[in-house]
Amino acid sequence: MNNYKAVIEYDGTYFCGFQVQPKGLRTVQGEIEKALGKVFNERTRICYAGRTDAGVHAVNQVISFKSKEELDLYRFKWSLNSIIPEDVCVKDIEKAAENFDARRSALWREYKYYIVNGNYQSVFLKKYSILVNKELDIRSMEKACLIFKGIKDFTSFSGPSEENKNKVREVFECEIKEENICSNKVIVFKIKANAFLYNMARIIAGTILEIGKGQRDEASIYDAFKAKDRNFAGSIADAKGLFFTGAGYRVI
């Protein structure tokens, strides 16, 4: 069997998440596997670097799959992109090592959250960011981000549906930057970790937002880590502002 690695992007607006669901709801995984089935004329399952929630987008999601065929990668990418829906796109594809697995081989995953901080939101950003009219305290948000770095138990920052008993994760980067996009002042929250729990990125983003709005202080974050109780963390941020922006792998 030949093993392949592909990088895809998708607009999560009309998807019920990435992972296939038993009720037949529309998912990114479902659409990709359906398209692969048409190309190969047989069922093909994929592995993926990160499972995103309903409404969450991706610009560099990584998937892997196996095939008996030795693919012409250029022709295959064009064929697949002509079949899959317009809100999904295969950006790149390459042959991978036999033991490569998009999820198990990943060393880190990265997310970015986009917040328009102003009195209006560009029409080109409405589906991909949230609007906060009140001026955010960027300095406080930057300081709060530092608290999340390192190896910690993120029980308080995971959703109730999280199935993993071990909720310890390592956050490598957590930061805030300001950008000008479509004439809007956009606050970009970035977080990179070895792995994420269910809703973890959105709950941390929501907590950081509450810091910026003056609704909580830094001490409350320490309290949340200590309590290991979801009720101590901030509210979950709206899915539409979140993007899966990449995953990293060991270079051989």
Foldseek 3Di string as FASTA:
>chain_A
DWKKKFWKWFQLAQAQWADDDPVRGHHVQVLLQVLVCVVQVHGWHKFWAATAGRLAIADTIMIMTDDPDDDPQVVVQVSSQVRGDPRMHTDGMDTDPPPDGNHPQFQKWKKKFKEFEDDDDDPVCPQAHYYDPDFFDQVQLFVLQVVQAAWAQCLLQADPPWDDPGRTWHKHDWGWDWDQDPNTTMIMTMTMIRYDTHLNVQQSVQQSRCSRVVNDHSVLVVVSRVVSHNVSTGDGHDNNRMYGYYTDGDDD
